[in-house]
């Protein structure tokens, strides 16, 4: 069953339940969360149904239904426990295009009844397409605890001002901004706290000022770090920015799950870059951000990892500042941190790695970085970890340069592709093996290299405490649960937790 969630009007004509037993009673109580009256067709009814009938919320009809009683209903639930009768009711409803549900009979149903979180005007429906009703119930319990009990009243107050706001604020974009300020600001806070008069006063004060900027909206740009790709490594602040965006300008270095947080109305623009082929120049991206902001749009520039680490945010900040565009920055989890967490190793260690250096595998001018800007010889004399971004294509050249600069050819190297994603790919090697141009040809990008003694570290087992390391039979530090890896050579790491 491929179910699309909708809300059905049940106030004009009552929904119909066929059957009077306990199962029918459960469905009646669910429908009465929104319907004022439910019609029940049954010759015999249980005690609970009788009580609802006495209360006037259930009307009892004869069980012998004809087609005209079903025609035009908003929905029908057949819960007779008689398969033949349920099949007959389903066939009549389907013939008239009336949505029908037969509990536990998906082939006879055209819709399913959800679990409901009821906050008055605010209703949340939870469905699993019949696959896991108990899971839906657990989700409902969680949402019941998380959702503010006065959230429905907040919606009621907002509804009372919709006409006034629409009359005062003509632009659809500015109206949305107005309501965002209401729901994010002191007005909503006061109403949720039970002080409705203060909340209304706040909204009316905002309305009095609403016309001032009505004719000249100003936009804003937010540089957002999407993290390394895993959906649950996106920060809460990043999610909020995505949900508020009118336009999202995104690159190709993050998982697509981040874009699932965009509003349906948001415009999504890809400026993804691949080696040797750029969808847009950086100058073009800068101009795009400025142009949308000048239209009054709330713009998110979504970048993989953290915007401040090889994200070219500096150039975008300069362009926005020169154009007088307000901007914010939302940091993201960078690939090196995510890779270390995934591999359960530290990036720094007071015994063997006292510093951490981020470097890029290509330069701004061309993608064949020569690494001349770095004093690699000095770095080789210190306890340092190198985190190399976008370094797949130039890894062999970097390895050769490091060895010439005095780094040990046996220095451990980790290469991690698609960090934190379901298809994360890991390889472990050493500088001398990495100097072969074909060493990483099978690694999926985007990829990160971790070079340094920490790359040879791993807990003895998955329950080991922090810093509990050992060396392999070659005197080298072992990784991947203590599995010895010799050098030179290249091996793929197989992590049971990733499979």
Protein backbone atom coordinates (compact mmCIF):
# COMPACT_ATOMS: atom_id res chain seq x y z
CA UNK A 1 0.00 0.00 0.00
CA UNK A 2 1.50 3.31 -1.09
CA UNK A 3 -0.35 5.73 1.18
CA UNK A 4 -0.36 9.50 0.74
CA UNK A 5 -1.38 11.36 3.93
CA UNK A 6 -4.32 13.77 3.67
CA UNK A 7 -6.91 15.23 6.04
CA UNK A 8 -10.53 14.43 5.19
CA UNK A 9 -13.45 16.72 6.05
CA UNK A 10 -15.82 14.82 8.36
CA UNK A 11 -18.02 17.70 9.54
CA UNK A 12 -20.43 17.98 6.62
CA UNK A 13 -21.67 14.42 6.57
CA UNK A 14 -20.85 11.83 9.23
CA UNK A 15 -18.42 9.02 8.44
CA UNK A 16 -19.94 5.53 8.49
CA UNK A 17 -18.84 2.51 10.52
CA UNK A 18 -20.34 -0.88 9.73
CA UNK A 19 -20.30 -3.14 12.78
CA UNK A 20 -21.07 -2.67 16.46
CA UNK A 21 -18.40 -4.67 18.30
CA UNK A 22 -15.29 -3.68 20.20
CA UNK A 23 -13.23 -3.18 17.03
CA UNK A 24 -15.90 -0.89 15.60
CA UNK A 25 -15.97 0.98 18.93
CA UNK A 26 -12.20 1.61 18.71
CA UNK A 27 -12.61 3.09 15.23
CA UNK A 28 -15.58 5.20 16.34
CA UNK A 29 -13.59 6.72 19.19
CA UNK A 30 -10.75 7.54 16.81
CA UNK A 31 -13.08 9.24 14.30
CA UNK A 32 -14.80 11.19 17.07
CA UNK A 33 -11.52 13.02 17.68
CA UNK A 34 -12.59 15.12 14.70
CA UNK A 35 -16.14 14.18 13.66
CA UNK A 36 -18.98 15.51 15.82
CA UNK A 37 -21.16 12.52 14.94
CA UNK A 38 -20.39 9.05 13.58
CA UNK A 39 -23.04 6.81 11.98
CA UNK A 40 -22.83 3.14 12.98
CA UNK A 41 -24.70 0.47 11.03
CA UNK A 42 -25.28 -2.58 13.28
CA UNK A 43 -28.11 -4.67 14.73
CA UNK A 44 -26.12 -5.39 17.88
CA UNK A 45 -23.79 -2.96 19.59
CA UNK A 46 -21.39 -3.32 22.51
CA UNK A 47 -21.84 -1.44 25.77
CA UNK A 48 -19.26 1.21 24.88
CA UNK A 49 -21.05 1.95 21.59
CA UNK A 50 -24.33 2.17 23.48
CA UNK A 51 -22.85 4.81 25.76
CA UNK A 52 -21.71 6.86 22.78
CA UNK A 53 -25.17 6.55 21.30
CA UNK A 54 -26.75 7.83 24.51
CA UNK A 55 -24.32 10.76 24.47
CA UNK A 56 -25.50 11.65 20.96
CA UNK A 57 -22.10 11.26 19.27
CA UNK A 58 -23.05 7.97 17.58
CA UNK A 59 -26.21 7.40 15.53
CA UNK A 60 -27.27 3.78 15.15
CA UNK A 61 -28.50 2.70 11.70
CA UNK A 62 -29.89 -0.67 10.59
CA UNK A 63 -27.24 -3.20 9.62
CA UNK A 64 -28.98 -3.91 6.28
CA UNK A 65 -27.22 -1.24 4.24
CA UNK A 66 -28.09 -0.20 0.73
CA UNK A 67 -25.82 1.61 -1.66
CA UNK A 68 -27.43 5.01 -1.08
CA UNK A 69 -26.43 5.03 2.58
CA UNK A 70 -22.78 4.63 1.53
CA UNK A 71 -22.83 7.06 -1.42
CA UNK A 72 -21.35 10.47 -0.60
CA UNK A 73 -19.80 9.50 2.73
CA UNK A 74 -16.41 11.08 3.53
CA UNK A 75 -15.21 7.58 4.47
CA UNK A 76 -16.44 4.14 5.50
CA UNK A 77 -14.97 1.67 7.98
CA UNK A 78 -16.25 -1.91 7.74
CA UNK A 79 -15.50 -3.75 10.99
CA UNK A 80 -18.10 -6.51 10.99
CA UNK A 81 -15.69 -9.45 11.51
CA UNK A 82 -17.66 -11.08 8.66
CA UNK A 83 -15.32 -11.36 5.68
CA UNK A 84 -18.11 -11.67 3.12
CA UNK A 85 -19.93 -8.63 4.48
CA UNK A 86 -16.72 -6.62 4.69
CA UNK A 87 -15.97 -7.53 1.09
CA UNK A 88 -19.49 -6.43 0.01
CA UNK A 89 -19.20 -3.08 1.81
CA UNK A 90 -15.74 -2.51 0.33
CA UNK A 91 -17.01 -3.21 -3.19
CA UNK A 92 -19.93 -0.75 -2.82
CA UNK A 93 -17.68 1.97 -1.41
CA UNK A 94 -15.10 1.49 -4.15
CA UNK A 95 -17.82 1.66 -6.81
CA UNK A 96 -18.84 5.10 -5.54
CA UNK A 97 -15.26 6.29 -4.98
CA UNK A 98 -15.78 6.45 -1.21
CA UNK A 99 -12.59 5.79 0.82
CA UNK A 100 -12.99 2.50 2.70
CA UNK A 101 -11.02 0.79 5.45
CA UNK A 102 -11.41 -2.83 6.49
CA UNK A 103 -9.23 -3.43 9.58
CA UNK A 104 -6.44 -5.93 8.92
CA UNK A 105 -7.62 -6.40 5.30
CA UNK A 106 -5.32 -4.16 3.22
CA UNK A 107 -6.56 -5.65 -0.08
CA UNK A 108 -10.09 -4.50 0.77
CA UNK A 109 -8.97 -1.04 1.96
CA UNK A 110 -8.23 2.16 0.10
CA UNK A 111 -6.96 4.01 3.18
CA UNK A 112 -5.60 3.29 6.64
CA UNK A 113 -6.48 4.94 9.93
CA UNK A 114 -3.48 6.64 11.58
CA UNK A 115 -2.43 7.07 15.16
CA UNK A 116 -3.30 10.63 16.10
CA UNK A 117 -1.71 13.25 18.32
CA UNK A 118 -4.56 15.65 19.10
CA UNK A 119 -3.84 19.22 20.15
CA UNK A 120 -7.13 20.73 19.04
CA UNK A 121 -6.50 22.66 15.83
CA UNK A 122 -3.08 21.02 15.52
CA UNK A 123 -3.34 17.34 14.60
CA UNK A 124 -0.49 14.99 13.80
CA UNK A 125 -1.33 11.73 12.03
CA UNK A 126 1.15 8.84 12.14
CA UNK A 127 0.94 5.93 9.74
CA UNK A 128 3.08 2.93 8.87
CA UNK A 129 0.92 1.70 5.94
CA UNK A 130 -0.23 -1.12 8.18
CA UNK A 131 3.28 -2.49 8.59
CA UNK A 132 3.84 -1.70 12.28
CA UNK A 133 0.83 -0.35 14.22
CA UNK A 134 2.66 -0.74 17.55
CA UNK A 135 5.50 1.43 16.24
CA UNK A 136 2.96 4.10 15.27
CA UNK A 137 1.58 3.96 18.82
CA UNK A 138 5.07 4.41 20.28
CA UNK A 139 5.71 7.37 18.01
CA UNK A 140 2.43 8.90 19.10
CA UNK A 141 3.42 8.54 22.76
CA UNK A 142 6.77 10.21 22.06
CA UNK A 143 5.13 13.11 20.21
CA UNK A 144 2.51 13.50 22.94
CA UNK A 145 5.32 14.06 25.42
CA UNK A 146 7.29 16.42 23.16
CA UNK A 147 4.49 18.59 21.74
CA UNK A 148 3.46 21.58 23.84
CA UNK A 149 -0.07 21.12 25.21
CA UNK A 150 -1.07 24.67 24.16
CA UNK A 151 0.20 24.39 20.58
CA UNK A 152 -3.37 24.05 19.30
CA UNK A 153 -4.37 27.26 21.05
CA UNK A 154 -1.43 29.03 19.41
CA UNK A 155 -2.82 27.94 16.04
CA UNK A 156 -6.28 29.24 17.02
CA UNK A 157 -4.89 32.66 17.90
CA UNK A 158 -2.91 32.77 14.65
CA UNK A 159 -6.07 31.95 12.69
CA UNK A 160 -7.87 34.90 14.28
CA UNK A 161 -5.24 37.25 12.80
CA UNK A 162 -4.86 35.70 9.33
CA UNK A 163 -7.27 38.11 7.63
CA UNK A 164 -5.72 41.17 9.28
CA UNK A 165 -2.22 40.08 8.34
CA UNK A 166 -3.24 39.31 4.74
CA UNK A 167 -4.82 42.77 4.46
CA UNK A 168 -1.82 44.60 5.93
CA UNK A 169 0.99 42.58 4.33
CA UNK A 170 0.40 42.09 0.62
CA UNK A 171 3.50 40.05 -0.24
CA UNK A 172 3.24 36.30 0.31
CA UNK A 173 6.96 36.22 1.14
CA UNK A 174 6.62 38.94 3.77
CA UNK A 175 3.54 37.31 5.23
CA UNK A 176 5.51 34.13 5.79
CA UNK A 177 8.31 36.14 7.38
CA UNK A 178 5.75 37.83 9.62
CA UNK A 179 4.42 34.49 10.85
CA UNK A 180 7.92 33.14 11.32
CA UNK A 181 8.62 36.06 13.67
CA UNK A 182 5.37 35.36 15.49
CA UNK A 183 6.08 31.68 16.03
CA UNK A 184 9.77 32.17 16.83
CA UNK A 185 9.33 35.20 19.08
CA UNK A 186 7.77 36.44 22.31
CA UNK A 187 4.20 36.36 20.97
CA UNK A 188 4.21 32.58 20.67
CA UNK A 189 6.15 32.27 23.91
CA UNK A 190 3.50 34.21 25.82
CA UNK A 191 0.60 32.21 24.36
CA UNK A 192 2.28 28.89 25.07
CA UNK A 193 2.94 30.08 28.63
CA UNK A 194 -0.78 30.77 29.08
CA UNK A 195 -0.67 34.57 28.73
CA UNK A 196 -2.84 34.94 25.65
CA UNK A 197 -3.52 38.67 26.15
CA UNK A 198 0.23 39.42 26.08
CA UNK A 199 0.66 37.24 23.01
CA UNK A 200 -2.11 39.09 21.19
CA UNK A 201 -0.60 42.44 22.20
CA UNK A 202 2.72 41.34 20.72
CA UNK A 203 1.08 40.30 17.44
CA UNK A 204 -0.86 43.57 17.20
CA UNK A 205 2.33 45.56 17.80
CA UNK A 206 4.00 43.62 14.99
CA UNK A 207 1.01 44.31 12.73
CA UNK A 208 1.27 48.04 13.43
CA UNK A 209 4.84 47.98 12.12
CA UNK A 210 4.22 45.50 9.30
CA UNK A 211 3.66 48.07 6.56
CA UNK A 212 6.97 49.86 7.04
CA UNK A 213 9.07 47.28 5.14
CA UNK A 214 6.20 45.99 3.05
CA UNK A 215 7.37 47.56 -0.20
CA UNK A 216 11.10 46.85 0.08
CA UNK A 217 11.85 43.41 1.47
CA UNK A 218 15.44 42.59 2.32
CA UNK A 219 16.83 39.10 2.23
CA UNK A 220 19.50 37.30 4.14
CA UNK A 221 22.03 34.57 3.36
CA UNK A 222 22.99 31.78 5.73
CA UNK A 223 26.10 29.72 5.04
CA UNK A 224 25.20 26.29 6.40
CA UNK A 225 27.49 23.33 7.00
CA UNK A 226 25.71 20.11 6.07
CA UNK A 227 28.28 17.91 7.79
CA UNK A 228 29.90 14.90 6.13
CA UNK A 229 26.72 13.31 4.81
CA UNK A 230 25.00 11.30 7.54
CA UNK A 231 21.53 12.73 8.16
CA UNK A 232 21.87 12.57 11.94
CA UNK A 233 25.10 14.59 11.90
CA UNK A 234 23.26 17.68 10.65
CA UNK A 235 23.01 20.23 13.47
CA UNK A 236 19.68 21.44 14.86
CA UNK A 237 20.53 24.99 13.81
CA UNK A 238 21.21 23.80 10.26
CA UNK A 239 17.82 22.06 10.12
CA UNK A 240 16.09 25.25 11.26
CA UNK A 241 17.86 27.27 8.58
CA UNK A 242 16.88 24.79 5.87
CA UNK A 243 13.24 24.80 6.95
CA UNK A 244 13.13 28.60 6.77
CA UNK A 245 14.85 28.95 3.39
CA UNK A 246 13.20 30.26 0.23
CA UNK A 247 16.21 29.26 -1.86
CA UNK A 248 18.85 26.59 -1.15
CA UNK A 249 22.05 26.75 -3.18
CA UNK A 250 23.76 23.43 -2.55
CA UNK A 251 26.90 21.61 -3.60
CA UNK A 252 27.61 17.94 -4.19
CA UNK A 253 29.73 17.16 -1.12
CA UNK A 254 27.00 16.17 1.29
CA UNK A 255 24.32 13.53 1.54
CA UNK A 256 21.00 14.28 -0.14
CA UNK A 257 19.22 13.72 3.18
CA UNK A 258 19.96 17.33 4.17
CA UNK A 259 17.67 18.58 1.41
CA UNK A 260 14.77 16.59 2.86
CA UNK A 261 14.46 19.37 5.43
CA UNK A 262 13.65 21.96 2.76
CA UNK A 263 10.12 23.32 2.48
CA UNK A 264 8.13 22.07 -0.51
CA UNK A 265 8.04 25.62 -1.90
CA UNK A 266 11.78 26.20 -1.58
CA UNK A 267 13.80 26.50 -4.77
CA UNK A 268 16.74 24.07 -4.88
CA UNK A 269 19.72 25.04 -7.02
CA UNK A 270 22.66 22.68 -7.48
CA UNK A 271 26.10 24.19 -7.98
CA UNK A 272 27.85 20.85 -7.60
CA UNK A 273 31.44 20.70 -8.76
CA UNK A 274 33.37 17.71 -9.97
CA UNK A 275 37.03 17.44 -10.82
CA UNK A 276 37.63 19.17 -14.16
CA UNK A 277 33.99 20.29 -14.50
CA UNK A 278 32.35 23.11 -12.55
CA UNK A 279 28.62 23.67 -12.84
CA UNK A 280 29.19 27.35 -11.96
CA UNK A 281 32.22 29.46 -11.22
CA UNK A 282 32.66 30.74 -7.69
CA UNK A 283 31.99 34.24 -8.98
CA UNK A 284 28.74 32.96 -10.46
CA UNK A 285 27.73 31.42 -7.13
CA UNK A 286 28.51 34.68 -5.33
CA UNK A 287 26.35 36.61 -7.78
CA UNK A 288 23.54 34.11 -7.34
CA UNK A 289 23.49 34.56 -3.57
CA UNK A 290 23.49 38.34 -3.85
CA UNK A 291 20.74 38.38 -6.49
CA UNK A 292 18.34 36.19 -4.52
CA UNK A 293 18.96 38.13 -1.30
CA UNK A 294 18.21 41.41 -3.11
CA UNK A 295 14.86 39.90 -4.13
CA UNK A 296 14.07 39.57 -0.44
CA UNK A 297 14.66 35.83 -0.31
CA UNK A 298 15.92 33.91 2.68
CA UNK A 299 18.86 32.10 1.08
CA UNK A 300 20.79 29.10 2.40
CA UNK A 301 24.17 28.30 0.91
CA UNK A 302 24.48 24.64 1.82
CA UNK A 303 27.99 23.21 1.90
CA UNK A 304 29.37 19.80 2.74
CA UNK A 305 31.22 19.58 6.05
CA UNK A 306 31.96 22.95 7.65
CA UNK A 307 31.75 26.17 5.59
CA UNK A 308 34.99 27.52 7.06
CA UNK A 309 37.14 24.51 6.11
CA UNK A 310 37.93 24.47 2.38
CA UNK A 311 34.38 25.59 1.66
CA UNK A 312 35.37 28.86 -0.06
CA UNK A 313 33.13 30.68 2.38
CA UNK A 314 35.67 33.50 2.57
CA UNK A 315 34.95 34.52 -1.01
CA UNK A 316 31.21 34.37 -0.44
CA UNK A 317 31.50 36.41 2.74
CA UNK A 318 33.49 39.06 0.84
CA UNK A 319 30.88 39.21 -1.92
CA UNK A 320 27.98 39.47 0.52
CA UNK A 321 29.74 42.14 2.56
CA UNK A 322 30.52 44.19 -0.56
CA UNK A 323 26.86 44.00 -1.60
CA UNK A 324 25.59 44.95 1.84
CA UNK A 325 23.79 41.63 2.32
CA UNK A 326 23.31 40.39 5.89
CA UNK A 327 24.55 36.87 6.49
CA UNK A 328 24.96 34.21 9.16
CA UNK A 329 27.17 31.13 9.40
CA UNK A 330 26.05 27.78 10.76
CA UNK A 331 29.03 25.48 11.40
CA UNK A 332 28.97 21.84 10.41
CA UNK A 333 30.80 18.70 11.47
CA UNK A 334 33.89 18.47 9.28
CA UNK A 335 34.90 15.24 7.56
CA UNK A 336 38.04 14.72 9.67
CA UNK A 337 36.04 14.73 12.91
CA UNK A 338 33.40 12.42 11.48
CA UNK A 339 36.01 10.02 10.11
CA UNK A 340 37.83 9.83 13.43
CA UNK A 341 34.54 9.11 15.20
CA UNK A 342 33.62 6.43 12.67
CA UNK A 343 37.03 4.75 13.00
CA UNK A 344 37.15 5.25 16.77
CA UNK A 345 40.52 6.92 16.75
CA UNK A 346 41.64 10.33 18.02
CA UNK A 347 42.94 13.01 15.69
CA UNK A 348 45.28 14.20 18.42
CA UNK A 349 46.99 12.19 21.16
CA UNK A 350 49.29 13.69 23.74
CA UNK A 351 51.81 10.85 23.30
CA UNK A 352 52.09 10.86 19.49
CA UNK A 353 50.10 13.73 17.92
CA UNK A 354 50.18 17.14 19.58
CA UNK A 355 48.76 19.10 16.63
CA UNK A 356 46.35 18.77 13.74
CA UNK A 357 46.79 20.37 10.32
CA UNK A 358 44.06 20.59 7.67
CA UNK A 359 45.32 20.76 4.07
CA UNK A 360 43.63 20.70 0.69
CA UNK A 361 44.57 18.31 -2.08
CA UNK A 362 44.08 21.00 -4.71
CA UNK A 363 44.65 24.72 -4.97
CA UNK A 364 42.26 27.52 -5.87
CA UNK A 365 44.01 28.17 -9.17
CA UNK A 366 44.20 24.58 -10.38
CA UNK A 367 43.47 21.14 -9.09
CA UNK A 368 47.04 19.88 -9.31
CA UNK A 369 48.29 21.18 -5.97
CA UNK A 370 52.09 21.08 -5.58
CA UNK A 371 51.99 21.57 -1.76
CA UNK A 372 54.83 24.12 -1.98
CA UNK A 373 52.92 26.42 0.38
CA UNK A 374 53.55 24.01 3.25
CA UNK A 375 56.73 23.47 5.24
CA UNK A 376 56.32 19.71 5.21
CA UNK A 377 59.84 19.14 6.51
CA UNK A 378 59.08 21.11 9.68
CA UNK A 379 55.78 19.30 10.11
CA UNK A 380 57.59 15.97 9.79
CA UNK A 381 59.77 16.84 12.77
CA UNK A 382 56.76 17.41 15.03
CA UNK A 383 54.02 15.19 16.35
CA UNK A 384 51.34 16.10 13.83
CA UNK A 385 48.30 14.63 12.12
CA UNK A 386 47.56 15.72 8.56
CA UNK A 387 43.92 15.73 7.45
CA UNK A 388 43.91 16.00 3.66
CA UNK A 389 40.67 17.07 1.99
CA UNK A 390 39.87 16.49 -1.68
CA UNK A 391 43.14 14.64 -2.03
CA UNK A 392 42.33 11.53 -4.06
CA UNK A 393 43.80 12.77 -7.32
CA UNK A 394 46.98 14.16 -5.76
CA UNK A 395 47.51 11.61 -2.96
CA UNK A 396 50.46 9.96 -4.70
CA UNK A 397 52.17 13.31 -5.28
CA UNK A 398 51.63 14.32 -1.65
CA UNK A 399 53.07 11.00 -0.43
CA UNK A 400 56.17 11.44 -2.61
CA UNK A 401 56.58 15.03 -1.39
CA UNK A 402 56.25 14.01 2.26
CA UNK A 403 58.85 11.28 1.91
CA UNK A 404 61.26 13.69 0.20
CA UNK A 405 60.63 16.12 3.07
CA UNK A 406 61.84 13.52 5.57
CA UNK A 407 58.63 11.79 6.60
CA UNK A 408 58.96 8.07 7.31
CA UNK A 409 57.87 5.92 4.34
CA UNK A 410 56.19 3.64 6.92
CA UNK A 411 54.02 6.45 8.26
CA UNK A 412 50.41 5.13 8.59
CA UNK A 413 47.76 6.53 6.27
CA UNK A 414 43.98 6.14 6.35
CA UNK A 415 41.90 6.88 3.28
CA UNK A 416 38.15 7.21 3.89
CA UNK A 417 35.61 7.71 1.13
CA UNK A 418 32.05 8.96 1.68
CA UNK A 419 32.69 9.59 5.35
CA UNK A 420 29.78 8.75 7.70
CA UNK A 421 27.49 7.57 4.90
CA UNK A 422 26.07 4.06 4.56
CA UNK A 423 28.56 3.20 1.83
CA UNK A 424 31.60 4.57 3.68
CA UNK A 425 34.76 3.05 2.18
CA UNK A 426 38.00 2.69 4.17
CA UNK A 427 41.54 1.80 3.23
CA UNK A 428 44.70 1.66 5.33
CA UNK A 429 48.20 1.96 3.92
CA UNK A 430 51.49 3.78 4.39
CA UNK A 431 53.20 6.68 2.65
CA UNK A 432 55.46 4.48 0.52
CA UNK A 433 52.48 2.47 -0.80
CA UNK A 434 50.44 5.63 -1.27
CA UNK A 435 53.13 7.09 -3.54
CA UNK A 436 51.87 4.71 -6.24
CA UNK A 437 49.46 6.69 -8.42
CA UNK A 438 47.08 3.72 -8.64
CA UNK A 439 46.97 3.10 -4.87
CA UNK A 440 43.53 4.63 -4.29
CA UNK A 441 41.97 3.97 -7.69
CA UNK A 442 39.18 1.85 -6.17
CA UNK A 443 38.25 4.26 -3.39
CA UNK A 444 34.92 6.07 -3.79
CA UNK A 445 34.99 9.84 -3.40
CA UNK A 446 34.70 12.35 -1.95
CA UNK A 447 37.53 11.14 0.24
CA UNK A 448 39.67 12.22 3.17
CA UNK A 449 43.22 11.17 4.04
CA UNK A 450 44.48 10.97 7.63
CA UNK A 451 48.27 10.83 7.75
CA UNK A 452 50.18 10.38 10.99
CA UNK A 453 50.74 7.98 13.85
CA UNK A 454 47.07 8.23 14.89
CA UNK A 455 46.17 6.50 11.62
CA UNK A 456 47.73 3.35 13.02
CA UNK A 457 45.73 3.43 16.23
CA UNK A 458 42.66 1.42 17.12
CA UNK A 459 41.10 0.16 20.31
CA UNK A 460 42.06 -3.44 21.13
CA UNK A 461 38.35 -4.24 20.93
CA UNK A 462 35.13 -2.30 20.60
CA UNK A 463 34.71 -2.19 24.35
CA UNK A 464 38.19 -0.88 24.99
CA UNK A 465 38.57 2.33 26.89
CA UNK A 466 39.94 5.54 25.40
CA UNK A 467 43.67 5.33 24.78
CA UNK A 468 43.77 1.52 25.11
CA UNK A 469 46.01 0.71 22.13
CA UNK A 470 48.53 -1.95 21.17
CA UNK A 471 51.06 -2.63 18.43
CA UNK A 472 51.13 -5.50 15.94
CA UNK A 473 53.82 -8.09 15.49
CA UNK A 474 55.89 -5.73 13.35
CA UNK A 475 56.14 -3.26 16.22
CA UNK A 476 53.60 -1.06 14.50
CA UNK A 477 50.37 0.14 16.01
CA UNK A 478 47.48 -2.08 15.01
CA UNK A 479 44.02 -0.90 14.00
CA UNK A 480 40.56 -2.24 13.16
CA UNK A 481 39.95 -4.11 16.39
CA UNK A 482 43.61 -5.12 16.77
CA UNK A 483 43.99 -6.71 13.30
CA UNK A 484 47.64 -6.49 12.24
CA UNK A 485 48.30 -4.79 8.94
CA UNK A 486 51.74 -5.06 7.38
CA UNK A 487 53.57 -2.55 5.22
CA UNK A 488 54.18 -1.85 2.45
CA UNK A 489 50.87 -2.54 0.80
CA UNK A 490 47.27 -1.47 0.70
CA UNK A 491 44.36 -3.20 2.38
CA UNK A 492 40.65 -2.52 2.53
CA UNK A 493 39.21 -2.29 6.03
CA UNK A 494 36.11 -4.37 6.58
CA UNK A 495 34.18 -3.14 9.58
CA UNK A 496 31.39 -5.42 10.79
CA UNK A 497 29.58 -2.41 12.13
CA UNK A 498 29.39 -0.94 8.64
CA UNK A 499 28.13 -4.06 6.87
